[in-house]
Amino acid sequence: MKSQIYDIRVTGHMGCSTSKLFNGFRVEHVVGGGNTCPQTVLTGFVEDQAALHGVLMRIRDLGLTLVSVNPLDPE
């Protein structure tokens, strides 16, 4: 896998202290698709498959609910 930018969504509003654990990712709070459930969107560069798994494990370890993981077109 080559380097890729990802849009990773989790349920809820991620606080500042938790957001700092995702260094290098832009953190944005949005209303969930089709309902009023807030979501946090992490957008950032992931070097390879191992790095992506590391981010996903951090989400799991923090007890966050993963909504989606989407690669973004770099252009």
PDB file of N, CA and C in Angstrom:
ATOM      1  N   MET A   1       0.844  -1.181   0.000  1.00  0.00           N
ATOM      2  CA  MET A   1       0.000   0.000   0.000  1.00  0.00           C
ATOM      3  C   MET A   1       0.884   1.237   0.000  1.00  0.00           C
ATOM      4  N   LYS A   2       0.569   2.188  -0.849  1.00  0.00           N
ATOM      5  CA  LYS A   2       1.317   3.438  -0.858  1.00  0.00           C
ATOM      6  C   LYS A   2       0.667   4.425   0.103  1.00  0.00           C
ATOM      7  N   SER A   3       1.314   5.539   0.331  1.00  0.00           N
ATOM      8  CA  SER A   3       0.800   6.579   1.216  1.00  0.00           C
ATOM      9  C   SER A   3      -0.562   7.060   0.740  1.00  0.00           C
ATOM     10  N   GLN A   4      -1.426   7.377   1.703  1.00  0.00           N
ATOM     11  CA  GLN A   4      -2.800   7.739   1.371  1.00  0.00           C
ATOM     12  C   GLN A   4      -3.346   8.694   2.424  1.00  0.00           C
ATOM     13  N   ILE A   5      -4.227   9.586   2.005  1.00  0.00           N
ATOM     14  CA  ILE A   5      -4.960  10.430   2.939  1.00  0.00           C
ATOM     15  C   ILE A   5      -6.278   9.734   3.245  1.00  0.00           C
ATOM     16  N   TYR A   6      -6.634   9.702   4.544  1.00  0.00           N
ATOM     17  CA  TYR A   6      -7.862   9.035   4.974  1.00  0.00           C
ATOM     18  C   TYR A   6      -8.787   9.984   5.716  1.00  0.00           C
ATOM     19  N   ASP A   7     -10.071   9.722   5.560  1.00  0.00           N
ATOM     20  CA  ASP A   7     -11.147  10.367   6.311  1.00  0.00           C
ATOM     21  C   ASP A   7     -11.690   9.271   7.226  1.00  0.00           C
ATOM     22  N   ILE A   8     -11.455   9.420   8.544  1.00  0.00           N
ATOM     23  CA  ILE A   8     -11.867   8.414   9.515  1.00  0.00           C
ATOM     24  C   ILE A   8     -12.896   9.051  10.435  1.00  0.00           C
ATOM     25  N   ARG A   9     -14.073   8.434  10.533  1.00  0.00           N
ATOM     26  CA  ARG A   9     -15.159   8.994  11.340  1.00  0.00           C
ATOM     27  C   ARG A   9     -15.451   8.102  12.538  1.00  0.00           C
ATOM     28  N   VAL A  10     -15.621   8.775  13.695  1.00  0.00           N
ATOM     29  CA  VAL A  10     -16.005   8.078  14.912  1.00  0.00           C
ATOM     30  C   VAL A  10     -17.225   8.781  15.501  1.00  0.00           C
ATOM     31  N   THR A  11     -17.994   8.042  16.282  1.00  0.00           N
ATOM     32  CA  THR A  11     -19.183   8.599  16.911  1.00  0.00           C
ATOM     33  C   THR A  11     -18.774   9.465  18.090  1.00  0.00           C
ATOM     34  N   GLY A  12     -19.460  10.584  18.245  1.00  0.00           N
ATOM     35  CA  GLY A  12     -19.254  11.453  19.397  1.00  0.00           C
ATOM     36  C   GLY A  12     -18.289  12.594  19.136  1.00  0.00           C
ATOM     37  N   HIS A  13     -18.196  13.446  20.138  1.00  0.00           N
ATOM     38  CA  HIS A  13     -17.332  14.622  20.081  1.00  0.00           C
ATOM     39  C   HIS A  13     -16.034  14.292  20.800  1.00  0.00           C
ATOM     40  N   MET A  14     -14.935  14.248  20.073  1.00  0.00           N
ATOM     41  CA  MET A  14     -13.640  13.934  20.645  1.00  0.00           C
ATOM     42  C   MET A  14     -13.054  15.197  21.280  1.00  0.00           C
ATOM     43  N   GLY A  15     -12.722  15.118  22.534  1.00  0.00           N
ATOM     44  CA  GLY A  15     -12.161  16.262  23.252  1.00  0.00           C
ATOM     45  C   GLY A  15     -10.728  16.560  22.841  1.00  0.00           C
ATOM     46  N   CYS A  16     -10.228  17.706  23.294  1.00  0.00           N
ATOM     47  CA  CYS A  16      -8.878  18.155  22.935  1.00  0.00           C
ATOM     48  C   CYS A  16      -7.792  17.178  23.379  1.00  0.00           C
ATOM     49  N   SER A  17      -7.917  16.648  24.603  1.00  0.00           N
ATOM     50  CA  SER A  17      -6.872  15.742  25.095  1.00  0.00           C
ATOM     51  C   SER A  17      -6.815  14.467  24.256  1.00  0.00           C
ATOM     52  N   THR A  18      -7.956  13.970  23.822  1.00  0.00           N
ATOM     53  CA  THR A  18      -7.989  12.779  22.980  1.00  0.00           C
ATOM     54  C   THR A  18      -7.512  13.114  21.570  1.00  0.00           C
ATOM     55  N   SER A  19      -7.902  14.284  21.062  1.00  0.00           N
ATOM     56  CA  SER A  19      -7.498  14.692  19.711  1.00  0.00           C
ATOM     57  C   SER A  19      -5.982  14.752  19.572  1.00  0.00           C
ATOM     58  N   LYS A  20      -5.295  15.124  20.648  1.00  0.00           N
ATOM     59  CA  LYS A  20      -3.827  15.235  20.608  1.00  0.00           C
ATOM     60  C   LYS A  20      -3.159  13.879  20.365  1.00  0.00           C
ATOM     61  N   LEU A  21      -3.880  12.792  20.654  1.00  0.00           N
ATOM     62  CA  LEU A  21      -3.335  11.459  20.419  1.00  0.00           C
ATOM     63  C   LEU A  21      -3.273  11.112  18.937  1.00  0.00           C
ATOM     64  N   PHE A  22      -3.929  11.925  18.115  1.00  0.00           N
ATOM     65  CA  PHE A  22      -3.942  11.706  16.665  1.00  0.00           C
ATOM     66  C   PHE A  22      -3.151  12.824  15.996  1.00  0.00           C
ATOM     67  N   ASN A  23      -1.924  12.983  16.429  1.00  0.00           N
ATOM     68  CA  ASN A  23      -1.038  14.033  15.943  1.00  0.00           C
ATOM     69  C   ASN A  23      -0.902  13.947  14.418  1.00  0.00           C
ATOM     70  N   GLY A  24      -1.027  15.084  13.767  1.00  0.00           N
ATOM     71  CA  GLY A  24      -0.919  15.125  12.318  1.00  0.00           C
ATOM     72  C   GLY A  24      -2.250  15.001  11.599  1.00  0.00           C
ATOM     73  N   PHE A  25      -3.316  14.682  12.328  1.00  0.00           N
ATOM     74  CA  PHE A  25      -4.640  14.591  11.735  1.00  0.00           C
ATOM     75  C   PHE A  25      -5.419  15.866  12.019  1.00  0.00           C
ATOM     76  N   ARG A  26      -6.170  16.314  11.026  1.00  0.00           N
ATOM     77  CA  ARG A  26      -7.107  17.420  11.237  1.00  0.00           C
ATOM     78  C   ARG A  26      -8.330  16.823  11.922  1.00  0.00           C
ATOM     79  N   VAL A  27      -8.824  17.495  12.954  1.00  0.00           N
ATOM     80  CA  VAL A  27      -9.975  17.007  13.711  1.00  0.00           C
ATOM     81  C   VAL A  27     -11.126  17.984  13.504  1.00  0.00           C
ATOM     82  N   GLU A  28     -12.256  17.444  13.078  1.00  0.00           N
ATOM     83  CA  GLU A  28     -13.439  18.269  12.802  1.00  0.00           C
ATOM     84  C   GLU A  28     -14.649  17.591  13.426  1.00  0.00           C
ATOM     85  N   HIS A  29     -15.529  18.395  14.009  1.00  0.00           N
ATOM     86  CA  HIS A  29     -16.756  17.867  14.605  1.00  0.00           C
ATOM     87  C   HIS A  29     -17.918  18.191  13.684  1.00  0.00           C
ATOM     88  N   VAL A  30     -18.721  17.173  13.368  1.00  0.00           N
ATOM     89  CA  VAL A  30     -19.845  17.335  12.452  1.00  0.00           C
ATOM     90  C   VAL A  30     -21.066  16.614  13.011  1.00  0.00           C
ATOM     91  N   VAL A  31     -22.222  16.949  12.454  1.00  0.00           N
ATOM     92  CA  VAL A  31     -23.444  16.204  12.764  1.00  0.00           C
ATOM     93  C   VAL A  31     -23.462  14.990  11.856  1.00  0.00           C
ATOM     94  N   GLY A  32     -23.772  13.817  12.414  1.00  0.00           N
ATOM     95  CA  GLY A  32     -23.756  12.568  11.655  1.00  0.00           C
ATOM     96  C   GLY A  32     -24.713  12.589  10.480  1.00  0.00           C
ATOM     97  N   GLY A  33     -24.421  11.778   9.494  1.00  0.00           N
ATOM     98  CA  GLY A  33     -25.244  11.698   8.293  1.00  0.00           C
ATOM     99  C   GLY A  33     -26.653  11.213   8.567  1.00  0.00           C
ATOM    100  N   GLY A  34     -27.645  12.039   8.283  1.00  0.00           N
ATOM    101  CA  GLY A  34     -29.033  11.628   8.369  1.00  0.00           C
ATOM    102  C   GLY A  34     -29.630  11.651   9.752  1.00  0.00           C
ATOM    103  N   ASN A  35     -28.853  11.999  10.767  1.00  0.00           N
ATOM    104  CA  ASN A  35     -29.406  12.092  12.119  1.00  0.00           C
ATOM    105  C   ASN A  35     -28.685  13.195  12.897  1.00  0.00           C
ATOM    106  N   THR A  36     -28.966  13.297  14.166  1.00  0.00           N
ATOM    107  CA  THR A  36     -28.368  14.368  14.959  1.00  0.00           C
ATOM    108  C   THR A  36     -27.189  13.895  15.796  1.00  0.00           C
ATOM    109  N   CYS A  37     -26.733  12.675  15.597  1.00  0.00           N
ATOM    110  CA  CYS A  37     -25.618  12.127  16.357  1.00  0.00           C
ATOM    111  C   CYS A  37     -24.310  12.813  15.940  1.00  0.00           C
ATOM    112  N   PRO A  38     -23.604  13.441  16.880  1.00  0.00           N
ATOM    113  CA  PRO A  38     -22.348  14.097  16.512  1.00  0.00           C
ATOM    114  C   PRO A  38     -21.273  13.070  16.159  1.00  0.00           C
ATOM    115  N   GLN A  39     -20.397  13.477  15.276  1.00  0.00           N
ATOM    116  CA  GLN A  39     -19.267  12.644  14.885  1.00  0.00           C
ATOM    117  C   GLN A  39     -18.009  13.487  14.907  1.00  0.00           C
ATOM    118  N   THR A  40     -16.879  12.817  15.082  1.00  0.00           N
ATOM    119  CA  THR A  40     -15.577  13.452  14.929  1.00  0.00           C
ATOM    120  C   THR A  40     -14.949  12.871  13.670  1.00  0.00           C
ATOM    121  N   VAL A  41     -14.447  13.754  12.810  1.00  0.00           N
ATOM    122  CA  VAL A  41     -13.798  13.333  11.567  1.00  0.00           C
ATOM    123  C   VAL A  41     -12.303  13.602  11.694  1.00  0.00           C
ATOM    124  N   LEU A  42     -11.518  12.559  11.535  1.00  0.00           N
ATOM    125  CA  LEU A  42     -10.061  12.662  11.517  1.00  0.00           C
ATOM    126  C   LEU A  42      -9.620  12.554  10.061  1.00  0.00           C
ATOM    127  N   THR A  43      -8.909  13.545   9.588  1.00  0.00           N
ATOM    128  CA  THR A  43      -8.427  13.521   8.209  1.00  0.00           C
ATOM    129  C   THR A  43      -6.916  13.682   8.238  1.00  0.00           C
ATOM    130  N   GLY A  44      -6.223  12.733   7.623  1.00  0.00           N
ATOM    131  CA  GLY A  44      -4.779  12.842   7.635  1.00  0.00           C
ATOM    132  C   GLY A  44      -4.093  11.828   6.755  1.00  0.00           C
ATOM    133  N   PHE A  45      -2.814  12.029   6.653  1.00  0.00           N
ATOM    134  CA  PHE A  45      -1.924  11.223   5.826  1.00  0.00           C
ATOM    135  C   PHE A  45      -1.516   9.973   6.605  1.00  0.00           C
ATOM    136  N   VAL A  46      -1.639   8.817   5.966  1.00  0.00           N
ATOM    137  CA  VAL A  46      -1.228   7.549   6.559  1.00  0.00           C
ATOM    138  C   VAL A  46      -0.179   6.947   5.638  1.00  0.00           C
ATOM    139  N   GLU A  47       0.969   6.630   6.202  1.00  0.00           N
ATOM    140  CA  GLU A  47       2.100   6.185   5.385  1.00  0.00           C
ATOM    141  C   GLU A  47       1.913   4.817   4.736  1.00  0.00           C
ATOM    142  N   ASP A  48       1.339   3.875   5.482  1.00  0.00           N
ATOM    143  CA  ASP A  48       1.204   2.520   4.955  1.00  0.00           C
ATOM    144  C   ASP A  48       0.142   1.756   5.739  1.00  0.00           C
ATOM    145  N   GLN A  49      -0.045   0.498   5.399  1.00  0.00           N
ATOM    146  CA  GLN A  49      -1.073  -0.331   6.025  1.00  0.00           C
ATOM    147  C   GLN A  49      -0.839  -0.481   7.526  1.00  0.00           C
ATOM    148  N   ALA A  50       0.413  -0.629   7.929  1.00  0.00           N
ATOM    149  CA  ALA A  50       0.726  -0.770   9.355  1.00  0.00           C
ATOM    150  C   ALA A  50       0.337   0.490  10.124  1.00  0.00           C
ATOM    151  N   ALA A  51       0.586   1.648   9.547  1.00  0.00           N
ATOM    152  CA  ALA A  51       0.223   2.912  10.196  1.00  0.00           C
ATOM    153  C   ALA A  51      -1.292   3.051  10.309  1.00  0.00           C
ATOM    154  N   LEU A  52      -2.017   2.613   9.289  1.00  0.00           N
ATOM    155  CA  LEU A  52      -3.480   2.654   9.337  1.00  0.00           C
ATOM    156  C   LEU A  52      -3.997   1.749  10.453  1.00  0.00           C
ATOM    157  N   HIS A  53      -3.438   0.562  10.564  1.00  0.00           N
ATOM    158  CA  HIS A  53      -3.836  -0.345  11.637  1.00  0.00           C
ATOM    159  C   HIS A  53      -3.521   0.259  13.003  1.00  0.00           C
ATOM    160  N   GLY A  54      -2.414   0.987  13.106  1.00  0.00           N
ATOM    161  CA  GLY A  54      -2.075   1.655  14.356  1.00  0.00           C
ATOM    162  C   GLY A  54      -3.115   2.685  14.753  1.00  0.00           C
ATOM    163  N   VAL A  55      -3.587   3.471  13.790  1.00  0.00           N
ATOM    164  CA  VAL A  55      -4.626   4.466  14.052  1.00  0.00           C
ATOM    165  C   VAL A  55      -5.916   3.767  14.477  1.00  0.00           C
ATOM    166  N   LEU A  56      -6.272   2.718  13.773  1.00  0.00           N
ATOM    167  CA  LEU A  56      -7.497   1.986  14.107  1.00  0.00           C
ATOM    168  C   LEU A  56      -7.414   1.327  15.484  1.00  0.00           C
ATOM    169  N   MET A  57      -6.245   0.828  15.858  1.00  0.00           N
ATOM    170  CA  MET A  57      -6.075   0.245  17.192  1.00  0.00           C
ATOM    171  C   MET A  57      -6.193   1.316  18.274  1.00  0.00           C
ATOM    172  N   ARG A  58      -5.682   2.511  18.012  1.00  0.00           N
ATOM    173  CA  ARG A  58      -5.805   3.606  18.972  1.00  0.00           C
ATOM    174  C   ARG A  58      -7.275   3.962  19.170  1.00  0.00           C
ATOM    175  N   ILE A  59      -8.024   4.004  18.079  1.00  0.00           N
ATOM    176  CA  ILE A  59      -9.471   4.267  18.170  1.00  0.00           C
ATOM    177  C   ILE A  59     -10.134   3.192  19.029  1.00  0.00           C
ATOM    178  N   ARG A  60      -9.804   1.942  18.787  1.00  0.00           N
ATOM    179  CA  ARG A  60     -10.353   0.835  19.571  1.00  0.00           C
ATOM    180  C   ARG A  60      -9.970   0.946  21.044  1.00  0.00           C
ATOM    181  N   ASP A  61      -8.692   1.215  21.308  1.00  0.00           N
ATOM    182  CA  ASP A  61      -8.206   1.277  22.681  1.00  0.00           C
ATOM    183  C   ASP A  61      -8.844   2.418  23.475  1.00  0.00           C
ATOM    184  N   LEU A  62      -9.242   3.478  22.791  1.00  0.00           N
ATOM    185  CA  LEU A  62      -9.903   4.609  23.444  1.00  0.00           C
ATOM    186  C   LEU A  62     -11.398   4.365  23.634  1.00  0.00           C
ATOM    187  N   GLY A  63     -11.884   3.254  23.115  1.00  0.00           N
ATOM    188  CA  GLY A  63     -13.299   2.931  23.264  1.00  0.00           C
ATOM    189  C   GLY A  63     -14.203   3.747  22.363  1.00  0.00           C
ATOM    190  N   LEU A  64     -13.631   4.294  21.281  1.00  0.00           N
ATOM    191  CA  LEU A  64     -14.416   5.087  20.336  1.00  0.00           C
ATOM    192  C   LEU A  64     -15.131   4.151  19.366  1.00  0.00           C
ATOM    193  N   THR A  65     -16.303   4.567  18.908  1.00  0.00           N
ATOM    194  CA  THR A  65     -17.057   3.773  17.947  1.00  0.00           C
ATOM    195  C   THR A  65     -16.708   4.216  16.539  1.00  0.00           C
ATOM    196  N   LEU A  66     -16.108   3.324  15.771  1.00  0.00           N
ATOM    197  CA  LEU A  66     -15.711   3.614  14.399  1.00  0.00           C
ATOM    198  C   LEU A  66     -16.946   3.618  13.509  1.00  0.00           C
ATOM    199  N   VAL A  67     -17.099   4.686  12.722  1.00  0.00           N
ATOM    200  CA  VAL A  67     -18.223   4.806  11.795  1.00  0.00           C
ATOM    201  C   VAL A  67     -17.769   4.430  10.383  1.00  0.00           C
ATOM    202  N   SER A  68     -16.640   5.007   9.937  1.00  0.00           N
ATOM    203  CA  SER A  68     -16.164   4.717   8.586  1.00  0.00           C
ATOM    204  C   SER A  68     -14.691   5.067   8.438  1.00  0.00           C
ATOM    205  N   VAL A  69     -14.070   4.419   7.446  1.00  0.00           N
ATOM    206  CA  VAL A  69     -12.682   4.684   7.056  1.00  0.00           C
ATOM    207  C   VAL A  69     -12.700   4.803   5.542  1.00  0.00           C
ATOM    208  N   ASN A  70     -12.378   5.991   5.028  1.00  0.00           N
ATOM    209  CA  ASN A  70     -12.448   6.208   3.582  1.00  0.00           C
ATOM    210  C   ASN A  70     -11.162   6.835   3.064  1.00  0.00           C
ATOM    211  N   PRO A  71     -10.526   6.213   2.068  1.00  0.00           N
ATOM    212  CA  PRO A  71      -9.388   6.869   1.422  1.00  0.00           C
ATOM    213  C   PRO A  71      -9.899   8.046   0.595  1.00  0.00           C
ATOM    214  N   LEU A  72      -9.134   9.124   0.583  1.00  0.00           N
ATOM    215  CA  LEU A  72      -9.500  10.307  -0.185  1.00  0.00           C
ATOM    216  C   LEU A  72      -8.621  10.426  -1.418  1.00  0.00           C
ATOM    217  N   ASP A  73      -9.178  10.976  -2.461  1.00  0.00           N
ATOM    218  CA  ASP A  73      -8.424  11.253  -3.674  1.00  0.00           C
ATOM    219  C   ASP A  73      -7.441  12.376  -3.353  1.00  0.00           C
ATOM    220  N   PRO A  74      -6.139  12.171  -3.566  1.00  0.00           N
ATOM    221  CA  PRO A  74      -5.143  13.180  -3.202  1.00  0.00           C
ATOM    222  C   PRO A  74      -5.281  14.490  -3.981  1.00  0.00           C
ATOM    223  N   GLU A  75      -6.084  14.500  -5.006  1.00  0.00           N
ATOM    224  CA  GLU A  75      -6.230  15.709  -5.814  1.00  0.00           C
ATOM    225  C   GLU A  75      -7.461  16.376  -5.406  1.00  0.00           C
TER     226      GLU A  75
END
